[in-house]
């Protein structure tokens, strides 16, 4: 993993939700599919904005591993995420 990618993945665990949000956005923009698994793990973040940015980033990466992720089954008819996805269902 590149040092930039590693740094951004580490930032996904930061105490500050703004830092986690920005890290998820940056990972999506980088286009490196090695970020898919850490972004999938971020779908259980305590902050809804961080979870939504992780969904966005996974969409940007376009990796098929994200197709079965909980984000696909956690949106309402409005396209907004309903609560938190169930880890039990996915893992």
Protein backbone atom coordinates (compact mmCIF):
# COMPACT_ATOMS: atom_id res chain seq x y z
CA UNK A 1 0.00 0.00 0.00
CA UNK A 2 1.27 3.47 -0.79
CA UNK A 3 1.99 5.80 2.11
CA UNK A 4 -0.82 8.14 1.00
CA UNK A 5 -3.32 5.29 0.86
CA UNK A 6 -2.14 3.94 4.23
CA UNK A 7 -2.45 7.39 5.79
CA UNK A 8 -5.99 7.86 4.50
CA UNK A 9 -7.02 4.38 5.66
CA UNK A 10 -5.61 5.20 9.10
CA UNK A 11 -7.60 8.46 9.10
CA UNK A 12 -10.83 6.43 8.76
CA UNK A 13 -10.35 5.57 12.46
CA UNK A 14 -9.68 9.13 13.63
CA UNK A 15 -11.69 10.47 16.59
CA UNK A 16 -12.89 13.43 14.52
CA UNK A 17 -15.81 12.63 12.21
CA UNK A 18 -14.77 15.40 9.81
CA UNK A 19 -11.38 13.76 9.38
CA UNK A 20 -13.02 10.37 8.75
CA UNK A 21 -15.43 11.94 6.24
CA UNK A 22 -12.60 13.64 4.34
CA UNK A 23 -10.53 10.42 4.35
CA UNK A 24 -13.43 8.46 2.83
CA UNK A 25 -13.92 11.15 0.19
CA UNK A 26 -10.21 11.19 -0.65
CA UNK A 27 -10.09 7.41 -0.94
CA UNK A 28 -13.01 7.48 -3.39
CA UNK A 29 -11.33 10.16 -5.48
CA UNK A 30 -8.00 8.27 -5.52
CA UNK A 31 -9.60 5.39 -7.39
CA UNK A 32 -7.43 2.73 -5.72
CA UNK A 33 -9.48 -0.43 -5.16
CA UNK A 34 -7.25 -1.44 -2.25
CA UNK A 35 -9.41 0.98 -0.25
CA UNK A 36 -12.58 -1.09 -0.75
CA UNK A 37 -12.30 -3.27 2.37
CA UNK A 38 -11.47 -0.36 4.73
CA UNK A 39 -14.36 1.62 3.23
CA UNK A 40 -16.74 -1.31 3.70
CA UNK A 41 -15.67 -1.43 7.35
CA UNK A 42 -16.49 2.30 7.58
CA UNK A 43 -20.15 1.52 6.83
CA UNK A 44 -20.48 0.89 10.58
CA UNK A 45 -19.15 4.31 11.60
CA UNK A 46 -21.09 6.07 14.38
CA UNK A 47 -21.59 9.16 12.20
CA UNK A 48 -24.19 8.93 9.41
CA UNK A 49 -22.32 11.46 7.25
CA UNK A 50 -19.19 9.32 7.36
CA UNK A 51 -21.22 6.22 6.44
CA UNK A 52 -22.80 8.03 3.50
CA UNK A 53 -19.42 9.28 2.29
CA UNK A 54 -18.12 5.69 2.47
CA UNK A 55 -21.07 4.59 0.30
CA UNK A 56 -20.23 7.38 -2.16
CA UNK A 57 -16.54 6.39 -2.18
CA UNK A 58 -17.39 2.74 -2.82
CA UNK A 59 -19.54 3.84 -5.75
CA UNK A 60 -16.69 5.91 -7.12
CA UNK A 61 -14.35 2.92 -6.92
CA UNK A 62 -16.83 0.71 -8.78
CA UNK A 63 -15.40 -2.49 -7.35
CA UNK A 64 -17.77 -5.50 -7.47
CA UNK A 65 -16.90 -6.38 -3.83
CA UNK A 66 -19.07 -3.44 -2.77
CA UNK A 67 -22.15 -4.73 -4.60
CA UNK A 68 -23.14 -7.07 -1.79
CA UNK A 69 -22.28 -4.56 0.90
CA UNK A 70 -24.84 -3.46 3.46
CA UNK A 71 -25.13 -0.02 1.84
CA UNK A 72 -27.13 -1.56 -0.99
CA UNK A 73 -29.81 -2.75 1.43
CA UNK A 74 -29.76 0.19 3.83
CA UNK A 75 -31.35 2.97 1.82
CA UNK A 76 -34.96 3.97 1.74
CA UNK A 77 -36.98 4.94 -1.32
CA UNK A 78 -35.49 8.43 -1.05
CA UNK A 79 -32.00 6.97 -1.49
CA UNK A 80 -31.07 8.08 2.01
CA UNK A 81 -29.49 5.64 4.37
CA UNK A 82 -31.87 4.27 7.01
CA UNK A 83 -29.98 3.95 10.28
CA UNK A 84 -26.99 1.67 10.39
CA UNK A 85 -26.61 -1.50 8.34
CA UNK A 86 -26.64 -4.80 10.16
CA UNK A 87 -23.15 -6.22 10.53
CA UNK A 88 -24.69 -9.60 11.33
CA UNK A 89 -26.28 -9.82 7.89
CA UNK A 90 -23.04 -9.08 6.03
CA UNK A 91 -20.32 -10.74 8.03
